[in-house]
Amino acid sequence: MFLTGLINSDSLLERIADFIPEGDFGDRHLHTLPSKAVPQYDPADEAHARVISATRSLIIELEGRRHIVGQGELFTIEVPMASRRSRLRALMKSLGSYGEYAAACAALYEATALG
């Protein structure tokens, strides 16, 4: 959950944005950059536990959308991956648990920058 949460967070993207190469069609794939910006998991660290808890809550809430007309296809291969990814991100940001998730990821990176 820790890696899933951080790798998919806007906080990580903000942290590495200046290092993402840009091509003719916009930003390129990140490949190895995220692994260099994600701190090693520490089960004793409260900030790490908060990311896990918030990610779990967001995933549970997102899973509840699988059977809603107009959203369920985002969880299948019926919609192209690029479109699915951007629509899923938008859906995630509309969920009630997203605020805590975003705050938990941001707090972890703020603590990392201070440490």
PDB file of N, CA and C in Angstrom:
ATOM      1  N   MET A   1       0.815  -1.196   0.000  1.00  0.00           N
ATOM      2  CA  MET A   1       0.000   0.000   0.000  1.00  0.00           C
ATOM      3  C   MET A   1       0.862   1.266   0.000  1.00  0.00           C
ATOM      4  N   PHE A   2       1.983   1.208   0.703  1.00  0.00           N
ATOM      5  CA  PHE A   2       2.863   2.367   0.805  1.00  0.00           C
ATOM      6  C   PHE A   2       3.342   2.803  -0.585  1.00  0.00           C
ATOM      7  N   LEU A   3       3.886   1.867  -1.342  1.00  0.00           N
ATOM      8  CA  LEU A   3       4.383   2.194  -2.684  1.00  0.00           C
ATOM      9  C   LEU A   3       3.249   2.593  -3.617  1.00  0.00           C
ATOM     10  N   THR A   4       2.155   1.874  -3.563  1.00  0.00           N
ATOM     11  CA  THR A   4       1.003   2.195  -4.408  1.00  0.00           C
ATOM     12  C   THR A   4       0.543   3.622  -4.162  1.00  0.00           C
ATOM     13  N   GLY A   5       0.441   3.975  -2.901  1.00  0.00           N
ATOM     14  CA  GLY A   5       0.000   5.317  -2.550  1.00  0.00           C
ATOM     15  C   GLY A   5       0.946   6.395  -3.029  1.00  0.00           C
ATOM     16  N   LEU A   6       2.206   6.231  -2.748  1.00  0.00           N
ATOM     17  CA  LEU A   6       3.163   7.280  -3.110  1.00  0.00           C
ATOM     18  C   LEU A   6       3.405   7.371  -4.610  1.00  0.00           C
ATOM     19  N   ILE A   7       3.516   6.243  -5.270  1.00  0.00           N
ATOM     20  CA  ILE A   7       3.808   6.270  -6.707  1.00  0.00           C
ATOM     21  C   ILE A   7       2.671   6.899  -7.496  1.00  0.00           C
ATOM     22  N   ASN A   8       1.451   6.803  -7.006  1.00  0.00           N
ATOM     23  CA  ASN A   8       0.306   7.371  -7.709  1.00  0.00           C
ATOM     24  C   ASN A   8      -0.088   8.758  -7.203  1.00  0.00           C
ATOM     25  N   SER A   9       0.703   9.328  -6.325  1.00  0.00           N
ATOM     26  CA  SER A   9       0.336  10.612  -5.724  1.00  0.00           C
ATOM     27  C   SER A   9       0.809  11.811  -6.547  1.00  0.00           C
ATOM     28  N   ASP A  10       0.048  12.889  -6.445  1.00  0.00           N
ATOM     29  CA  ASP A  10       0.466  14.148  -7.052  1.00  0.00           C
ATOM     30  C   ASP A  10       1.707  14.683  -6.351  1.00  0.00           C
ATOM     31  N   SER A  11       1.869  14.343  -5.078  1.00  0.00           N
ATOM     32  CA  SER A  11       3.038  14.806  -4.318  1.00  0.00           C
ATOM     33  C   SER A  11       4.332  14.292  -4.942  1.00  0.00           C
ATOM     34  N   LEU A  12       4.330  13.034  -5.360  1.00  0.00           N
ATOM     35  CA  LEU A  12       5.518  12.489  -6.018  1.00  0.00           C
ATOM     36  C   LEU A  12       5.745  13.197  -7.344  1.00  0.00           C
ATOM     37  N   LEU A  13       4.685  13.377  -8.112  1.00  0.00           N
ATOM     38  CA  LEU A  13       4.807  14.042  -9.404  1.00  0.00           C
ATOM     39  C   LEU A  13       5.370  15.452  -9.245  1.00  0.00           C
ATOM     40  N   GLU A  14       4.900  16.175  -8.235  1.00  0.00           N
ATOM     41  CA  GLU A  14       5.413  17.516  -7.973  1.00  0.00           C
ATOM     42  C   GLU A  14       6.901  17.475  -7.623  1.00  0.00           C
ATOM     43  N   ARG A  15       7.289  16.461  -6.898  1.00  0.00           N
ATOM     44  CA  ARG A  15       8.682  16.334  -6.451  1.00  0.00           C
ATOM     45  C   ARG A  15       9.645  16.056  -7.600  1.00  0.00           C
ATOM     46  N   ILE A  16       9.174  15.346  -8.631  1.00  0.00           N
ATOM     47  CA  ILE A  16      10.072  14.967  -9.736  1.00  0.00           C
ATOM     48  C   ILE A  16       9.782  15.708 -11.041  1.00  0.00           C
ATOM     49  N   ALA A  17       8.796  16.603 -11.036  1.00  0.00           N
ATOM     50  CA  ALA A  17       8.342  17.271 -12.261  1.00  0.00           C
ATOM     51  C   ALA A  17       9.477  17.913 -13.060  1.00  0.00           C
ATOM     52  N   ASP A  18      10.419  18.532 -12.392  1.00  0.00           N
ATOM     53  CA  ASP A  18      11.512  19.214 -13.092  1.00  0.00           C
ATOM     54  C   ASP A  18      12.447  18.241 -13.805  1.00  0.00           C
ATOM     55  N   PHE A  19      12.364  16.968 -13.491  1.00  0.00           N
ATOM     56  CA  PHE A  19      13.271  15.979 -14.060  1.00  0.00           C
ATOM     57  C   PHE A  19      12.613  15.104 -15.129  1.00  0.00           C
ATOM     58  N   ILE A  20      11.316  15.339 -15.404  1.00  0.00           N
ATOM     59  CA  ILE A  20      10.608  14.532 -16.396  1.00  0.00           C
ATOM     60  C   ILE A  20      10.931  15.068 -17.785  1.00  0.00           C
ATOM     61  N   PRO A  21      11.504  14.226 -18.654  1.00  0.00           N
ATOM     62  CA  PRO A  21      11.805  14.687 -20.007  1.00  0.00           C
ATOM     63  C   PRO A  21      10.517  14.969 -20.770  1.00  0.00           C
ATOM     64  N   GLU A  22      10.567  15.969 -21.634  1.00  0.00           N
ATOM     65  CA  GLU A  22       9.395  16.324 -22.411  1.00  0.00           C
ATOM     66  C   GLU A  22       9.665  16.056 -23.879  1.00  0.00           C
ATOM     67  N   GLY A  23       8.707  15.407 -24.535  1.00  0.00           N
ATOM     68  CA  GLY A  23       8.815  15.098 -25.958  1.00  0.00           C
ATOM     69  C   GLY A  23       7.858  15.952 -26.765  1.00  0.00           C
ATOM     70  N   ASP A  24       7.690  15.600 -28.021  1.00  0.00           N
ATOM     71  CA  ASP A  24       6.812  16.352 -28.913  1.00  0.00           C
ATOM     72  C   ASP A  24       5.352  16.334 -28.460  1.00  0.00           C
ATOM     73  N   PHE A  25       4.966  15.297 -27.716  1.00  0.00           N
ATOM     74  CA  PHE A  25       3.578  15.150 -27.300  1.00  0.00           C
ATOM     75  C   PHE A  25       3.404  15.364 -25.796  1.00  0.00           C
ATOM     76  N   GLY A  26       4.311  16.072 -25.174  1.00  0.00           N
ATOM     77  CA  GLY A  26       4.210  16.345 -23.740  1.00  0.00           C
ATOM     78  C   GLY A  26       5.187  15.524 -22.927  1.00  0.00           C
ATOM     79  N   ASP A  27       4.890  15.395 -21.640  1.00  0.00           N
ATOM     80  CA  ASP A  27       5.766  14.661 -20.730  1.00  0.00           C
ATOM     81  C   ASP A  27       5.895  13.209 -21.157  1.00  0.00           C
ATOM     82  N   ARG A  28       7.086  12.685 -20.984  1.00  0.00           N
ATOM     83  CA  ARG A  28       7.333  11.284 -21.311  1.00  0.00           C
ATOM     84  C   ARG A  28       7.113  10.431 -20.069  1.00  0.00           C
ATOM     85  N   HIS A  29       7.158   9.122 -20.265  1.00  0.00           N
ATOM     86  CA  HIS A  29       6.994   8.209 -19.140  1.00  0.00           C
ATOM     87  C   HIS A  29       8.114   8.418 -18.123  1.00  0.00           C
ATOM     88  N   LEU A  30       7.806   8.169 -16.886  1.00  0.00           N
ATOM     89  CA  LEU A  30       8.726   8.448 -15.791  1.00  0.00           C
ATOM     90  C   LEU A  30       9.800   7.386 -15.610  1.00  0.00           C
ATOM     91  N   HIS A  31       9.485   6.152 -15.873  1.00  0.00           N
ATOM     92  CA  HIS A  31      10.388   5.009 -15.734  1.00  0.00           C
ATOM     93  C   HIS A  31      11.018   4.924 -14.354  1.00  0.00           C
ATOM     94  N   THR A  32      12.286   5.301 -14.207  1.00  0.00           N
ATOM     95  CA  THR A  32      12.998   5.078 -12.946  1.00  0.00           C
ATOM     96  C   THR A  32      12.929   6.256 -11.975  1.00  0.00           C
ATOM     97  N   LEU A  33      12.430   7.402 -12.407  1.00  0.00           N
ATOM     98  CA  LEU A  33      12.421   8.574 -11.521  1.00  0.00           C
ATOM     99  C   LEU A  33      11.661   8.344 -10.210  1.00  0.00           C
ATOM    100  N   PRO A  34      10.463   7.762 -10.236  1.00  0.00           N
ATOM    101  CA  PRO A  34       9.743   7.593  -8.971  1.00  0.00           C
ATOM    102  C   PRO A  34      10.516   6.797  -7.926  1.00  0.00           C
ATOM    103  N   SER A  35      11.221   5.769  -8.347  1.00  0.00           N
ATOM    104  CA  SER A  35      11.929   4.940  -7.366  1.00  0.00           C
ATOM    105  C   SER A  35      13.022   5.719  -6.642  1.00  0.00           C
ATOM    106  N   LYS A  36      13.501   6.770  -7.255  1.00  0.00           N
ATOM    107  CA  LYS A  36      14.544   7.573  -6.627  1.00  0.00           C
ATOM    108  C   LYS A  36      13.975   8.606  -5.657  1.00  0.00           C
ATOM    109  N   ALA A  37      12.657   8.844  -5.741  1.00  0.00           N
ATOM    110  CA  ALA A  37      12.044   9.870  -4.899  1.00  0.00           C
ATOM    111  C   ALA A  37      11.155   9.285  -3.798  1.00  0.00           C
ATOM    112  N   VAL A  38      11.006   7.964  -3.774  1.00  0.00           N
ATOM    113  CA  VAL A  38      10.182   7.328  -2.743  1.00  0.00           C
ATOM    114  C   VAL A  38      11.080   6.875  -1.605  1.00  0.00           C
ATOM    115  N   PRO A  39      10.825   7.359  -0.398  1.00  0.00           N
ATOM    116  CA  PRO A  39      11.669   6.937   0.724  1.00  0.00           C
ATOM    117  C   PRO A  39      11.459   5.459   1.049  1.00  0.00           C
ATOM    118  N   GLN A  40      12.458   4.866   1.639  1.00  0.00           N
ATOM    119  CA  GLN A  40      12.352   3.469   2.058  1.00  0.00           C
ATOM    120  C   GLN A  40      11.295   3.365   3.156  1.00  0.00           C
ATOM    121  N   TYR A  41      10.470   2.347   3.042  1.00  0.00           N
ATOM    122  CA  TYR A  41       9.376   2.158   3.998  1.00  0.00           C
ATOM    123  C   TYR A  41       9.918   1.867   5.394  1.00  0.00           C
ATOM    124  N   ASP A  42       9.337   2.552   6.359  1.00  0.00           N
ATOM    125  CA  ASP A  42       9.685   2.349   7.769  1.00  0.00           C
ATOM    126  C   ASP A  42       8.387   2.103   8.534  1.00  0.00           C
ATOM    127  N   PRO A  43       8.122   0.866   8.947  1.00  0.00           N
ATOM    128  CA  PRO A  43       6.861   0.563   9.632  1.00  0.00           C
ATOM    129  C   PRO A  43       6.673   1.318  10.949  1.00  0.00           C
ATOM    130  N   ALA A  44       7.741   1.846  11.504  1.00  0.00           N
ATOM    131  CA  ALA A  44       7.634   2.585  12.760  1.00  0.00           C
ATOM    132  C   ALA A  44       7.333   4.073  12.537  1.00  0.00           C
ATOM    133  N   ASP A  45       7.379   4.524  11.306  1.00  0.00           N
ATOM    134  CA  ASP A  45       7.182   5.939  10.990  1.00  0.00           C
ATOM    135  C   ASP A  45       5.687   6.235  10.847  1.00  0.00           C
ATOM    136  N   GLU A  46       5.180   7.156  11.645  1.00  0.00           N
ATOM    137  CA  GLU A  46       3.752   7.513  11.624  1.00  0.00           C
ATOM    138  C   GLU A  46       3.318   8.070  10.271  1.00  0.00           C
ATOM    139  N   ALA A  47       4.187   8.826   9.621  1.00  0.00           N
ATOM    140  CA  ALA A  47       3.843   9.381   8.310  1.00  0.00           C
ATOM    141  C   ALA A  47       3.650   8.265   7.282  1.00  0.00           C
ATOM    142  N   HIS A  48       4.455   7.218   7.386  1.00  0.00           N
ATOM    143  CA  HIS A  48       4.331   6.071   6.483  1.00  0.00           C
ATOM    144  C   HIS A  48       3.023   5.331   6.755  1.00  0.00           C
ATOM    145  N   ALA A  49       2.696   5.150   8.030  1.00  0.00           N
ATOM    146  CA  ALA A  49       1.445   4.486   8.403  1.00  0.00           C
ATOM    147  C   ALA A  49       0.237   5.297   7.931  1.00  0.00           C
ATOM    148  N   ARG A  50       0.345   6.600   7.983  1.00  0.00           N
ATOM    149  CA  ARG A  50      -0.758   7.461   7.524  1.00  0.00           C
ATOM    150  C   ARG A  50      -0.970   7.311   6.023  1.00  0.00           C
ATOM    151  N   VAL A  51       0.112   7.228   5.250  1.00  0.00           N
ATOM    152  CA  VAL A  51      -0.015   7.025   3.795  1.00  0.00           C
ATOM    153  C   VAL A  51      -0.722   5.703   3.520  1.00  0.00           C
ATOM    154  N   ILE A  52      -0.334   4.659   4.230  1.00  0.00           N
ATOM    155  CA  ILE A  52      -0.947   3.341   4.033  1.00  0.00           C
ATOM    156  C   ILE A  52      -2.436   3.387   4.360  1.00  0.00           C
ATOM    157  N   SER A  53      -2.790   3.969   5.475  1.00  0.00           N
ATOM    158  CA  SER A  53      -4.191   4.044   5.888  1.00  0.00           C
ATOM    159  C   SER A  53      -5.022   4.845   4.884  1.00  0.00           C
ATOM    160  N   ALA A  54      -4.497   5.975   4.462  1.00  0.00           N
ATOM    161  CA  ALA A  54      -5.219   6.834   3.521  1.00  0.00           C
ATOM    162  C   ALA A  54      -5.340   6.171   2.151  1.00  0.00           C
ATOM    163  N   THR A  55      -4.293   5.482   1.711  1.00  0.00           N
ATOM    164  CA  THR A  55      -4.334   4.773   0.430  1.00  0.00           C
ATOM    165  C   THR A  55      -5.372   3.664   0.489  1.00  0.00           C
ATOM    166  N   ARG A  56      -5.379   2.922   1.576  1.00  0.00           N
ATOM    167  CA  ARG A  56      -6.358   1.834   1.743  1.00  0.00           C
ATOM    168  C   ARG A  56      -7.784   2.377   1.683  1.00  0.00           C
ATOM    169  N   SER A  57      -8.047   3.472   2.362  1.00  0.00           N
ATOM    170  CA  SER A  57      -9.385   4.068   2.352  1.00  0.00           C
ATOM    171  C   SER A  57      -9.788   4.520   0.953  1.00  0.00           C
ATOM    172  N   LEU A  58      -8.852   5.118   0.244  1.00  0.00           N
ATOM    173  CA  LEU A  58      -9.128   5.577  -1.117  1.00  0.00           C
ATOM    174  C   LEU A  58      -9.421   4.398  -2.038  1.00  0.00           C
ATOM    175  N   ILE A  59      -8.646   3.330  -1.939  1.00  0.00           N
ATOM    176  CA  ILE A  59      -8.859   2.148  -2.768  1.00  0.00           C
ATOM    177  C   ILE A  59     -10.220   1.525  -2.477  1.00  0.00           C
ATOM    178  N   ILE A  60     -10.576   1.432  -1.213  1.00  0.00           N
ATOM    179  CA  ILE A  60     -11.880   0.862  -0.842  1.00  0.00           C
ATOM    180  C   ILE A  60     -13.012   1.706  -1.439  1.00  0.00           C
ATOM    181  N   GLU A  61     -12.882   3.014  -1.331  1.00  0.00           N
ATOM    182  CA  GLU A  61     -13.918   3.886  -1.886  1.00  0.00           C
ATOM    183  C   GLU A  61     -13.960   3.788  -3.409  1.00  0.00           C
ATOM    184  N   LEU A  62     -12.821   3.721  -4.038  1.00  0.00           N
ATOM    185  CA  LEU A  62     -12.743   3.585  -5.496  1.00  0.00           C
ATOM    186  C   LEU A  62     -13.338   2.257  -5.952  1.00  0.00           C
ATOM    187  N   GLU A  63     -13.047   1.196  -5.235  1.00  0.00           N
ATOM    188  CA  GLU A  63     -13.599  -0.129  -5.563  1.00  0.00           C
ATOM    189  C   GLU A  63     -15.123  -0.112  -5.545  1.00  0.00           C
ATOM    190  N   GLY A  64     -15.696   0.695  -4.700  1.00  0.00           N
ATOM    191  CA  GLY A  64     -17.148   0.803  -4.616  1.00  0.00           C
ATOM    192  C   GLY A  64     -17.773   1.398  -5.863  1.00  0.00           C
ATOM    193  N   ARG A  65     -16.970   1.951  -6.737  1.00  0.00           N
ATOM    194  CA  ARG A  65     -17.454   2.578  -7.970  1.00  0.00           C
ATOM    195  C   ARG A  65     -17.490   1.612  -9.146  1.00  0.00           C
ATOM    196  N   ARG A  66     -16.993   0.398  -8.978  1.00  0.00           N
ATOM    197  CA  ARG A  66     -16.931  -0.588 -10.066  1.00  0.00           C
ATOM    198  C   ARG A  66     -18.279  -0.880 -10.711  1.00  0.00           C
ATOM    199  N   HIS A  67     -19.345  -0.792  -9.942  1.00  0.00           N
ATOM    200  CA  HIS A  67     -20.653  -1.200 -10.444  1.00  0.00           C
ATOM    201  C   HIS A  67     -21.568  -0.023 -10.775  1.00  0.00           C
ATOM    202  N   ILE A  68     -21.000   1.170 -10.808  1.00  0.00           N
ATOM    203  CA  ILE A  68     -21.779   2.359 -11.139  1.00  0.00           C
ATOM    204  C   ILE A  68     -21.688   2.594 -12.650  1.00  0.00           C
ATOM    205  N   VAL A  69     -22.840   2.740 -13.279  1.00  0.00           N
ATOM    206  CA  VAL A  69     -22.890   2.965 -14.718  1.00  0.00           C
ATOM    207  C   VAL A  69     -22.082   4.213 -15.061  1.00  0.00           C
ATOM    208  N   GLY A  70     -21.239   4.101 -16.058  1.00  0.00           N
ATOM    209  CA  GLY A  70     -20.400   5.220 -16.475  1.00  0.00           C
ATOM    210  C   GLY A  70     -19.043   5.246 -15.793  1.00  0.00           C
ATOM    211  N   GLN A  71     -18.888   4.461 -14.744  1.00  0.00           N
ATOM    212  CA  GLN A  71     -17.596   4.397 -14.051  1.00  0.00           C
ATOM    213  C   GLN A  71     -17.025   2.997 -14.079  1.00  0.00           C
ATOM    214  N   GLY A  72     -17.875   1.997 -14.136  1.00  0.00           N
ATOM    215  CA  GLY A  72     -17.434   0.606 -14.105  1.00  0.00           C
ATOM    216  C   GLY A  72     -16.484   0.234 -15.223  1.00  0.00           C
ATOM    217  N   GLU A  73     -16.695   0.830 -16.409  1.00  0.00           N
ATOM    218  CA  GLU A  73     -15.807   0.482 -17.531  1.00  0.00           C
ATOM    219  C   GLU A  73     -14.376   0.957 -17.322  1.00  0.00           C
ATOM    220  N   LEU A  74     -14.168   1.857 -16.371  1.00  0.00           N
ATOM    221  CA  LEU A  74     -12.811   2.321 -16.085  1.00  0.00           C
ATOM    222  C   LEU A  74     -11.967   1.226 -15.440  1.00  0.00           C
ATOM    223  N   PHE A  75     -12.618   0.180 -14.967  1.00  0.00           N
ATOM    224  CA  PHE A  75     -11.931  -0.919 -14.302  1.00  0.00           C
ATOM    225  C   PHE A  75     -11.757  -2.117 -15.234  1.00  0.00           C
ATOM    226  N   THR A  76     -12.003  -1.914 -16.525  1.00  0.00           N
ATOM    227  CA  THR A  76     -11.882  -2.982 -17.529  1.00  0.00           C
ATOM    228  C   THR A  76     -10.963  -2.517 -18.649  1.00  0.00           C
ATOM    229  N   ILE A  77     -10.738  -3.388 -19.608  1.00  0.00           N
ATOM    230  CA  ILE A  77      -9.914  -3.007 -20.764  1.00  0.00           C
ATOM    231  C   ILE A  77     -10.759  -2.451 -21.905  1.00  0.00           C
ATOM    232  N   GLU A  78     -12.045  -2.211 -21.666  1.00  0.00           N
ATOM    233  CA  GLU A  78     -12.922  -1.663 -22.695  1.00  0.00           C
ATOM    234  C   GLU A  78     -12.556  -0.230 -23.062  1.00  0.00           C
ATOM    235  N   VAL A  79     -11.937   0.473 -22.149  1.00  0.00           N
ATOM    236  CA  VAL A  79     -11.514   1.851 -22.370  1.00  0.00           C
ATOM    237  C   VAL A  79      -9.991   1.842 -22.512  1.00  0.00           C
ATOM    238  N   PRO A  80      -9.431   2.529 -23.538  1.00  0.00           N
ATOM    239  CA  PRO A  80      -7.971   2.558 -23.697  1.00  0.00           C
ATOM    240  C   PRO A  80      -7.265   3.032 -22.430  1.00  0.00           C
ATOM    241  N   MET A  81      -6.089   2.485 -22.175  1.00  0.00           N
ATOM    242  CA  MET A  81      -5.367   2.752 -20.928  1.00  0.00           C
ATOM    243  C   MET A  81      -5.132   4.241 -20.679  1.00  0.00           C
ATOM    244  N   ALA A  82      -4.724   4.987 -21.698  1.00  0.00           N
ATOM    245  CA  ALA A  82      -4.436   6.412 -21.491  1.00  0.00           C
ATOM    246  C   ALA A  82      -5.686   7.161 -21.031  1.00  0.00           C
ATOM    247  N   SER A  83      -6.808   6.864 -21.640  1.00  0.00           N
ATOM    248  CA  SER A  83      -8.060   7.500 -21.247  1.00  0.00           C
ATOM    249  C   SER A  83      -8.498   7.022 -19.871  1.00  0.00           C
ATOM    250  N   ARG A  84      -8.342   5.732 -19.636  1.00  0.00           N
ATOM    251  CA  ARG A  84      -8.726   5.141 -18.352  1.00  0.00           C
ATOM    252  C   ARG A  84      -7.930   5.779 -17.223  1.00  0.00           C
ATOM    253  N   ARG A  85      -6.647   5.933 -17.422  1.00  0.00           N
ATOM    254  CA  ARG A  85      -5.778   6.489 -16.382  1.00  0.00           C
ATOM    255  C   ARG A  85      -6.206   7.906 -16.007  1.00  0.00           C
ATOM    256  N   SER A  86      -6.426   8.756 -16.989  1.00  0.00           N
ATOM    257  CA  SER A  86      -6.794  10.141 -16.681  1.00  0.00           C
ATOM    258  C   SER A  86      -8.191  10.208 -16.064  1.00  0.00           C
ATOM    259  N   ARG A  87      -9.116   9.392 -16.523  1.00  0.00           N
ATOM    260  CA  ARG A  87     -10.466   9.389 -15.956  1.00  0.00           C
ATOM    261  C   ARG A  87     -10.473   8.810 -14.540  1.00  0.00           C
ATOM    262  N   LEU A  88      -9.653   7.787 -14.295  1.00  0.00           N
ATOM    263  CA  LEU A  88      -9.560   7.231 -12.939  1.00  0.00           C
ATOM    264  C   LEU A  88      -8.961   8.250 -11.972  1.00  0.00           C
ATOM    265  N   ARG A  89      -7.957   8.975 -12.433  1.00  0.00           N
ATOM    266  CA  ARG A  89      -7.360  10.017 -11.573  1.00  0.00           C
ATOM    267  C   ARG A  89      -8.400  11.073 -11.219  1.00  0.00           C
ATOM    268  N   ALA A  90      -9.188  11.480 -12.210  1.00  0.00           N
ATOM    269  CA  ALA A  90     -10.234  12.478 -11.956  1.00  0.00           C
ATOM    270  C   ALA A  90     -11.272  11.916 -10.984  1.00  0.00           C
ATOM    271  N   LEU A  91     -11.658  10.663 -11.171  1.00  0.00           N
ATOM    272  CA  LEU A  91     -12.615  10.035 -10.269  1.00  0.00           C
ATOM    273  C   LEU A  91     -12.057   9.967  -8.851  1.00  0.00           C
ATOM    274  N   MET A  92     -10.794   9.553  -8.721  1.00  0.00           N
ATOM    275  CA  MET A  92     -10.166   9.472  -7.398  1.00  0.00           C
ATOM    276  C   MET A  92     -10.211  10.825  -6.698  1.00  0.00           C
ATOM    277  N   LYS A  93      -9.924  11.887  -7.438  1.00  0.00           N
ATOM    278  CA  LYS A  93      -9.881  13.224  -6.838  1.00  0.00           C
ATOM    279  C   LYS A  93     -11.262  13.709  -6.411  1.00  0.00           C
ATOM    280  N   SER A  94     -12.315  13.088  -6.926  1.00  0.00           N
ATOM    281  CA  SER A  94     -13.667  13.485  -6.549  1.00  0.00           C
ATOM    282  C   SER A  94     -14.177  12.741  -5.310  1.00  0.00           C
ATOM    283  N   LEU A  95     -13.449  11.740  -4.856  1.00  0.00           N
ATOM    284  CA  LEU A  95     -13.896  10.918  -3.734  1.00  0.00           C
ATOM    285  C   LEU A  95     -13.616  11.600  -2.389  1.00  0.00           C
ATOM    286  N   GLY A  96     -14.440  11.297  -1.412  1.00  0.00           N
ATOM    287  CA  GLY A  96     -14.312  11.902  -0.093  1.00  0.00           C
ATOM    288  C   GLY A  96     -12.997  11.607   0.603  1.00  0.00           C
ATOM    289  N   SER A  97     -12.419  10.448   0.349  1.00  0.00           N
ATOM    290  CA  SER A  97     -11.180  10.063   1.027  1.00  0.00           C
ATOM    291  C   SER A  97      -9.927  10.610   0.342  1.00  0.00           C
ATOM    292  N   TYR A  98     -10.099  11.270  -0.800  1.00  0.00           N
ATOM    293  CA  TYR A  98      -8.929  11.758  -1.536  1.00  0.00           C
ATOM    294  C   TYR A  98      -8.175  12.848  -0.757  1.00  0.00           C
ATOM    295  N   GLY A  99      -8.884  13.713  -0.076  1.00  0.00           N
ATOM    296  CA  GLY A  99      -8.228  14.803   0.651  1.00  0.00           C
ATOM    297  C   GLY A  99      -7.232  14.295   1.681  1.00  0.00           C
ATOM    298  N   GLU A 100      -7.628  13.293   2.443  1.00  0.00           N
ATOM    299  CA  GLU A 100      -6.721  12.720   3.441  1.00  0.00           C
ATOM    300  C   GLU A 100      -5.547  12.019   2.764  1.00  0.00           C
ATOM    301  N   TYR A 101      -5.823  11.326   1.671  1.00  0.00           N
ATOM    302  CA  TYR A 101      -4.757  10.652   0.918  1.00  0.00           C
ATOM    303  C   TYR A 101      -3.727  11.669   0.424  1.00  0.00           C
ATOM    304  N   ALA A 102      -4.199  12.732  -0.216  1.00  0.00           N
ATOM    305  CA  ALA A 102      -3.286  13.762  -0.733  1.00  0.00           C
ATOM    306  C   ALA A 102      -2.509  14.422   0.403  1.00  0.00           C
ATOM    307  N   ALA A 103      -3.189  14.688   1.511  1.00  0.00           N
ATOM    308  CA  ALA A 103      -2.531  15.317   2.665  1.00  0.00           C
ATOM    309  C   ALA A 103      -1.479  14.393   3.274  1.00  0.00           C
ATOM    310  N   ALA A 104      -1.778  13.103   3.350  1.00  0.00           N
ATOM    311  CA  ALA A 104      -0.826  12.142   3.920  1.00  0.00           C
ATOM    312  C   ALA A 104       0.433  12.056   3.067  1.00  0.00           C
ATOM    313  N   CYS A 105       0.272  12.009   1.756  1.00  0.00           N
ATOM    314  CA  CYS A 105       1.439  11.939   0.859  1.00  0.00           C
ATOM    315  C   CYS A 105       2.247  13.235   0.927  1.00  0.00           C
ATOM    316  N   ALA A 106       1.559  14.368   0.929  1.00  0.00           N
ATOM    317  CA  ALA A 106       2.254  15.654   1.015  1.00  0.00           C
ATOM    318  C   ALA A 106       3.009  15.777   2.331  1.00  0.00           C
ATOM    319  N   ALA A 107       2.390  15.355   3.425  1.00  0.00           N
ATOM    320  CA  ALA A 107       3.034  15.442   4.737  1.00  0.00           C
ATOM    321  C   ALA A 107       4.287  14.576   4.788  1.00  0.00           C
ATOM    322  N   LEU A 108       4.224  13.401   4.176  1.00  0.00           N
ATOM    323  CA  LEU A 108       5.397  12.534   4.172  1.00  0.00           C
ATOM    324  C   LEU A 108       6.560  13.211   3.454  1.00  0.00           C
ATOM    325  N   TYR A 109       6.282  13.804   2.293  1.00  0.00           N
ATOM    326  CA  TYR A 109       7.353  14.457   1.552  1.00  0.00           C
ATOM    327  C   TYR A 109       7.834  15.726   2.252  1.00  0.00           C
ATOM    328  N   GLU A 110       6.952  16.432   2.925  1.00  0.00           N
ATOM    329  CA  GLU A 110       7.384  17.604   3.692  1.00  0.00           C
ATOM    330  C   GLU A 110       8.314  17.165   4.817  1.00  0.00           C
ATOM    331  N   ALA A 111       7.972  16.079   5.507  1.00  0.00           N
ATOM    332  CA  ALA A 111       8.812  15.567   6.595  1.00  0.00           C
ATOM    333  C   ALA A 111      10.149  15.080   6.045  1.00  0.00           C
ATOM    334  N   THR A 112      10.122  14.473   4.866  1.00  0.00           N
ATOM    335  CA  THR A 112      11.351  13.974   4.236  1.00  0.00           C
ATOM    336  C   THR A 112      12.258  15.133   3.869  1.00  0.00           C
ATOM    337  N   ALA A 113      11.682  16.223   3.368  1.00  0.00           N
ATOM    338  CA  ALA A 113      12.472  17.386   2.983  1.00  0.00           C
ATOM    339  C   ALA A 113      13.096  18.065   4.196  1.00  0.00           C
ATOM    340  N   LEU A 114      12.408  18.002   5.327  1.00  0.00           N
ATOM    341  CA  LEU A 114      12.920  18.636   6.541  1.00  0.00           C
ATOM    342  C   LEU A 114      13.978  17.784   7.226  1.00  0.00           C
ATOM    343  N   GLY A 115      13.896  16.453   7.001  1.00  0.00           N
ATOM    344  CA  GLY A 115      14.768  15.524   7.713  1.00  0.00           C
ATOM    345  C   GLY A 115      16.129  15.405   7.209  1.00  0.00           C
TER     346      GLY A 115
END
